[in-house]
N, C-alpha and C. Protein backbone atom coordinates (compact mmCIF):
# COMPACT_ATOMS: atom_id res chain seq x y z
N UNK A 1 21.94 37.22 8.47
CA UNK A 1 21.50 38.45 8.36
C UNK A 1 21.20 38.85 7.02
N UNK A 2 20.05 39.40 6.68
CA UNK A 2 19.70 39.91 5.45
C UNK A 2 20.41 41.27 4.97
N UNK A 3 19.90 41.78 3.73
CA UNK A 3 20.38 43.10 3.31
C UNK A 3 19.74 44.24 4.24
N UNK A 4 20.33 45.43 4.14
CA UNK A 4 20.05 46.47 4.91
C UNK A 4 18.56 47.02 4.44
N UNK A 5 17.98 47.94 5.27
CA UNK A 5 16.66 48.26 5.05
C UNK A 5 16.33 48.69 3.74
N UNK A 6 17.21 49.66 3.17
CA UNK A 6 16.99 50.13 1.75
C UNK A 6 18.30 49.80 1.13
N UNK A 7 18.40 48.71 0.38
CA UNK A 7 19.65 48.21 -0.11
C UNK A 7 19.99 48.58 -1.57
N UNK A 8 19.82 50.08 -1.90
CA UNK A 8 20.00 50.47 -3.17
C UNK A 8 21.39 50.05 -4.03
N UNK A 9 22.41 50.11 -3.03
CA UNK A 9 23.60 49.76 -3.70
C UNK A 9 23.67 48.24 -4.04
N UNK A 10 23.13 47.47 -3.25
CA UNK A 10 23.14 46.03 -3.66
C UNK A 10 22.14 45.65 -4.79
N UNK A 11 21.21 46.32 -4.89
CA UNK A 11 20.22 46.14 -5.97
C UNK A 11 20.75 46.75 -7.22
N UNK A 12 21.59 47.76 -7.21
CA UNK A 12 22.23 48.28 -8.33
C UNK A 12 23.21 47.39 -8.87
N UNK A 13 24.09 46.80 -7.94
CA UNK A 13 25.02 45.76 -8.32
C UNK A 13 24.41 44.55 -8.97
N UNK A 14 23.25 44.01 -8.44
CA UNK A 14 22.56 43.04 -8.99
C UNK A 14 21.99 43.31 -10.29
N UNK A 15 21.37 44.48 -10.64
CA UNK A 15 20.97 44.93 -11.87
C UNK A 15 21.98 45.04 -12.97
N UNK A 16 22.97 45.60 -12.49
CA UNK A 16 24.27 45.74 -13.26
C UNK A 16 24.56 44.50 -13.86
N UNK A 17 24.73 43.34 -13.10
CA UNK A 17 25.25 42.05 -13.38
C UNK A 17 24.21 41.27 -14.42
N UNK A 18 23.03 41.84 -14.45
CA UNK A 18 22.14 41.23 -15.46
C UNK A 18 21.84 41.94 -16.70
N UNK A 19 22.48 43.19 -16.74
CA UNK A 19 22.44 44.04 -18.01
C UNK A 19 21.25 44.96 -17.77
N UNK A 20 20.70 45.44 -16.73
CA UNK A 20 19.82 46.52 -16.38
C UNK A 20 20.29 47.70 -15.80
N UNK A 21 20.05 48.80 -16.25
CA UNK A 21 20.56 50.06 -15.77
C UNK A 21 19.57 50.97 -15.14
N UNK A 22 19.79 51.43 -13.76
CA UNK A 22 18.95 52.29 -12.95
C UNK A 22 19.13 53.49 -13.58
N UNK A 23 17.89 54.23 -13.92
CA UNK A 23 17.81 55.54 -14.56
C UNK A 23 17.57 56.74 -13.48
N UNK A 24 16.87 56.17 -12.37
CA UNK A 24 16.40 57.18 -11.47
C UNK A 24 16.05 56.43 -10.17
N UNK A 25 16.41 56.87 -9.05
CA UNK A 25 16.04 56.16 -7.79
C UNK A 25 15.40 57.39 -6.81
N UNK A 26 14.25 57.13 -6.24
CA UNK A 26 13.74 58.08 -5.31
C UNK A 26 12.99 57.40 -4.19
N UNK A 27 13.54 57.64 -2.90
CA UNK A 27 13.07 57.02 -1.77
C UNK A 27 13.04 55.48 -1.82
N UNK A 28 12.03 54.84 -1.84
CA UNK A 28 12.14 53.45 -2.01
C UNK A 28 11.76 52.83 -3.37
N UNK A 29 11.73 53.69 -4.56
CA UNK A 29 11.51 53.27 -5.90
C UNK A 29 12.71 53.35 -6.76
N UNK A 30 12.97 52.39 -7.48
CA UNK A 30 14.05 52.29 -8.47
C UNK A 30 13.38 52.19 -9.88
N UNK A 31 13.86 53.07 -10.85
CA UNK A 31 13.21 53.09 -12.14
C UNK A 31 14.36 52.49 -12.97
N UNK A 32 13.97 51.70 -13.80
CA UNK A 32 15.04 50.98 -14.62
C UNK A 32 14.73 51.64 -16.03
N UNK A 33 15.93 51.49 -16.74
CA UNK A 33 15.97 52.07 -18.15
C UNK A 33 14.77 51.72 -19.06
N UNK A 34 14.34 52.66 -19.79
CA UNK A 34 13.15 52.65 -20.68
C UNK A 34 11.88 52.17 -19.86
N UNK A 35 11.76 52.37 -18.58
CA UNK A 35 10.58 52.30 -17.88
C UNK A 35 9.80 51.06 -18.07
N UNK A 36 10.36 49.89 -18.45
CA UNK A 36 9.54 48.63 -18.72
C UNK A 36 9.11 48.20 -17.42
N UNK A 37 9.88 48.46 -16.42
CA UNK A 37 9.45 48.06 -14.96
C UNK A 37 10.06 48.81 -13.98
N UNK A 38 9.78 48.83 -12.86
CA UNK A 38 10.32 49.34 -11.63
C UNK A 38 10.25 48.45 -10.47
N UNK A 39 11.26 48.77 -9.56
CA UNK A 39 11.37 48.00 -8.28
C UNK A 39 11.20 48.91 -7.11
N UNK A 40 10.51 48.50 -6.17
CA UNK A 40 10.20 49.10 -4.88
C UNK A 40 10.81 48.28 -3.80
N UNK A 41 11.57 48.90 -2.91
CA UNK A 41 12.02 48.36 -1.75
C UNK A 41 11.02 48.08 -0.62
N UNK A 42 11.05 46.91 -0.24
CA UNK A 42 9.64 46.59 0.83
C UNK A 42 10.13 47.05 2.13
N UNK A 43 9.38 46.57 3.07
CA UNK A 43 9.42 46.85 4.48
C UNK A 43 10.59 46.36 5.19
N UNK A 44 11.09 45.33 4.56
CA UNK A 44 12.42 44.81 5.11
C UNK A 44 13.44 44.65 3.89
N UNK A 45 14.60 44.70 4.22
CA UNK A 45 15.72 44.56 3.25
C UNK A 45 15.70 43.60 2.40
N UNK A 46 14.97 42.43 2.68
CA UNK A 46 14.86 41.23 1.73
C UNK A 46 13.71 41.49 0.68
N UNK A 47 12.81 42.30 0.99
CA UNK A 47 11.72 42.41 -0.02
C UNK A 47 11.96 43.39 -0.99
N UNK A 48 11.82 42.94 -2.28
CA UNK A 48 11.89 43.76 -3.37
C UNK A 48 10.60 43.59 -4.29
N UNK A 49 9.73 44.64 -4.54
CA UNK A 49 8.49 44.46 -5.29
C UNK A 49 8.64 44.91 -6.70
N UNK A 50 8.21 44.15 -7.46
CA UNK A 50 8.40 44.38 -9.03
C UNK A 50 7.02 44.76 -9.57
N UNK A 51 7.04 45.80 -10.44
CA UNK A 51 5.87 46.26 -11.14
C UNK A 51 6.32 46.65 -12.39
N UNK A 52 5.44 46.10 -13.39
CA UNK A 52 5.70 46.42 -14.81
C UNK A 52 4.83 47.60 -15.27
N UNK A 53 5.45 48.29 -16.28
CA UNK A 53 4.72 49.37 -16.84
C UNK A 53 3.66 48.83 -17.67
N UNK A 54 2.34 49.39 -17.58
CA UNK A 54 1.12 48.90 -18.20
C UNK A 54 1.44 48.73 -19.73
N UNK A 55 2.43 49.63 -20.34
CA UNK A 55 2.61 49.50 -21.69
C UNK A 55 3.82 48.57 -22.11
N UNK A 56 4.46 47.77 -21.15
CA UNK A 56 5.60 46.83 -21.40
C UNK A 56 5.08 45.73 -22.11
N UNK A 57 6.00 44.90 -22.70
CA UNK A 57 5.76 43.71 -23.50
C UNK A 57 5.33 42.78 -22.63
N UNK A 58 4.07 42.11 -22.93
CA UNK A 58 3.59 40.99 -22.01
C UNK A 58 4.46 39.81 -22.21
N UNK A 59 4.91 39.67 -23.32
CA UNK A 59 5.59 38.39 -23.58
C UNK A 59 6.92 38.43 -22.75
N UNK A 60 7.52 39.51 -22.51
CA UNK A 60 8.95 39.54 -21.83
C UNK A 60 8.68 39.51 -20.24
N UNK A 61 7.45 39.73 -19.85
CA UNK A 61 7.25 40.01 -18.31
C UNK A 61 7.62 38.74 -17.45
N UNK A 62 7.21 37.58 -18.03
CA UNK A 62 7.53 36.23 -17.31
C UNK A 62 9.09 36.12 -17.29
N UNK A 63 9.76 36.38 -18.42
CA UNK A 63 11.32 36.06 -18.31
C UNK A 63 12.11 37.11 -17.56
N UNK A 64 11.65 38.29 -17.55
CA UNK A 64 12.17 39.27 -16.73
C UNK A 64 11.91 39.00 -15.13
N UNK A 65 10.83 38.42 -14.78
CA UNK A 65 10.40 38.16 -13.53
C UNK A 65 11.18 37.07 -13.06
N UNK A 66 11.41 36.08 -13.97
CA UNK A 66 12.23 34.80 -13.42
C UNK A 66 13.68 35.16 -13.36
N UNK A 67 14.22 36.10 -14.28
CA UNK A 67 15.49 36.38 -13.97
C UNK A 67 15.77 37.10 -12.81
N UNK A 68 14.83 38.23 -12.48
CA UNK A 68 14.98 38.93 -11.30
C UNK A 68 14.94 38.11 -9.95
N UNK A 69 13.98 37.24 -10.01
CA UNK A 69 13.90 36.38 -8.78
C UNK A 69 14.97 35.45 -8.65
N UNK A 70 15.51 34.90 -9.74
CA UNK A 70 16.65 33.81 -9.62
C UNK A 70 17.90 34.76 -9.17
N UNK A 71 18.27 35.81 -9.86
CA UNK A 71 19.35 36.60 -9.43
C UNK A 71 19.11 37.17 -8.06
N UNK A 72 18.14 37.68 -7.82
CA UNK A 72 17.73 38.24 -6.30
C UNK A 72 18.02 37.25 -5.34
N UNK A 73 17.84 35.98 -5.50
CA UNK A 73 17.99 35.01 -4.51
C UNK A 73 19.63 34.90 -4.01
N UNK A 74 20.43 35.12 -5.07
CA UNK A 74 21.90 35.07 -4.96
C UNK A 74 22.21 36.29 -4.04
N UNK A 75 21.46 37.47 -4.06
CA UNK A 75 21.69 38.51 -3.14
C UNK A 75 20.80 38.66 -1.89
N UNK A 76 20.17 37.43 -1.79
CA UNK A 76 19.33 37.34 -0.48
C UNK A 76 18.00 38.27 -0.58
N UNK A 77 17.50 38.41 -1.74
CA UNK A 77 16.26 39.22 -1.94
C UNK A 77 15.29 38.29 -2.30
N UNK A 78 14.06 38.71 -1.83
CA UNK A 78 12.76 38.05 -2.28
C UNK A 78 12.00 38.89 -3.22
N UNK A 79 12.14 38.67 -4.52
CA UNK A 79 11.54 39.55 -5.39
C UNK A 79 10.10 39.03 -5.71
N UNK A 80 9.10 39.81 -5.49
CA UNK A 80 7.88 39.52 -5.64
C UNK A 80 7.06 40.47 -6.70
N UNK A 81 6.38 39.82 -7.65
CA UNK A 81 5.69 40.48 -8.71
C UNK A 81 4.36 40.98 -8.21
N UNK A 82 3.99 42.49 -7.94
CA UNK A 82 3.05 42.87 -7.39
C UNK A 82 1.95 43.34 -8.32
N UNK A 83 2.33 43.72 -9.55
CA UNK A 83 1.30 44.30 -10.50
C UNK A 83 1.91 45.09 -11.52
N UNK A 84 1.04 46.09 -11.82
CA UNK A 84 1.48 47.06 -13.00
C UNK A 84 1.61 48.64 -12.52
N UNK A 85 1.99 49.49 -13.25
CA UNK A 85 1.82 50.84 -13.03
C UNK A 85 1.97 51.78 -14.22
N UNK A 86 1.37 53.02 -14.00
CA UNK A 86 1.45 53.91 -15.02
C UNK A 86 2.15 55.30 -14.50
N UNK A 87 2.76 55.97 -15.30
CA UNK A 87 3.32 57.27 -14.91
C UNK A 87 2.72 58.40 -15.81
N UNK A 88 2.56 59.53 -15.23
CA UNK A 88 2.16 60.70 -16.21
C UNK A 88 2.59 61.96 -15.48
N UNK A 89 2.86 62.86 -16.29
CA UNK A 89 3.33 64.16 -15.95
C UNK A 89 2.28 65.03 -15.52
N UNK A 90 2.39 65.88 -14.35
CA UNK A 90 1.38 66.70 -13.92
C UNK A 90 1.50 68.01 -14.63
N UNK A 91 0.40 68.49 -15.32
CA UNK A 91 0.27 69.67 -16.12
C UNK A 91 1.44 70.67 -16.16
N UNK A 92 2.37 70.42 -17.05
CA UNK A 92 3.61 71.24 -17.37
C UNK A 92 4.38 71.58 -15.99
N UNK A 93 4.38 70.69 -15.10
CA UNK A 93 5.25 70.76 -13.85
C UNK A 93 6.44 69.58 -14.09
N UNK A 94 7.37 69.82 -13.25
CA UNK A 94 8.47 68.81 -13.31
C UNK A 94 8.17 67.54 -12.57
N UNK A 95 7.20 67.50 -11.68
CA UNK A 95 6.87 66.27 -10.96
C UNK A 95 5.96 65.43 -11.75
N UNK A 96 5.91 64.21 -11.49
CA UNK A 96 5.14 63.14 -12.11
C UNK A 96 4.22 62.36 -11.16
N UNK A 97 3.25 61.70 -11.82
CA UNK A 97 2.26 60.88 -10.79
C UNK A 97 2.33 59.51 -11.24
N UNK A 98 2.56 58.67 -10.30
CA UNK A 98 2.51 57.11 -10.35
C UNK A 98 1.25 56.63 -10.02
N UNK A 99 0.64 55.62 -10.71
CA UNK A 99 -0.66 54.91 -10.27
C UNK A 99 -0.24 53.37 -10.13
N UNK A 100 -0.41 52.70 -9.17
CA UNK A 100 -0.17 51.40 -9.13
C UNK A 100 -1.43 50.69 -9.24
N UNK A 101 -1.24 49.38 -9.68
CA UNK A 101 -2.42 48.47 -9.98
C UNK A 101 -1.96 47.08 -9.47
N UNK A 102 -2.21 46.96 -8.09
CA UNK A 102 -1.75 45.73 -7.45
C UNK A 102 -2.61 44.45 -7.80
N UNK A 103 -1.86 43.48 -8.20
CA UNK A 103 -2.52 42.17 -8.60
C UNK A 103 -2.69 42.11 -9.99
N UNK A 104 -2.58 43.24 -10.71
CA UNK A 104 -2.73 43.27 -12.30
C UNK A 104 -1.37 42.83 -12.93
N UNK A 105 -1.30 41.61 -13.27
CA UNK A 105 -0.22 41.00 -13.81
C UNK A 105 -0.10 40.90 -15.35
């Protein structure tokens, strides 16, 4: 039996173990410190989707991806690198807008 449908606690434990800190979680999205990447919980508990911020270091993306995939297997997750994202604030409001670019690695 795999992880529960939205395994935030297990993902937090996994990330803590490899030195990453969650700064914010909302619904199925998990924002990581400094916004270099975010994780999205998939349609099943095993699926975790990885998106890098468009401004993140290109050189570090492969290493972070490999680390998350390797560690994820120990927790029965299938970490899949999906693409990139941007985040912007809506005109003087407290909410923000995310834009995902699937396949843009």
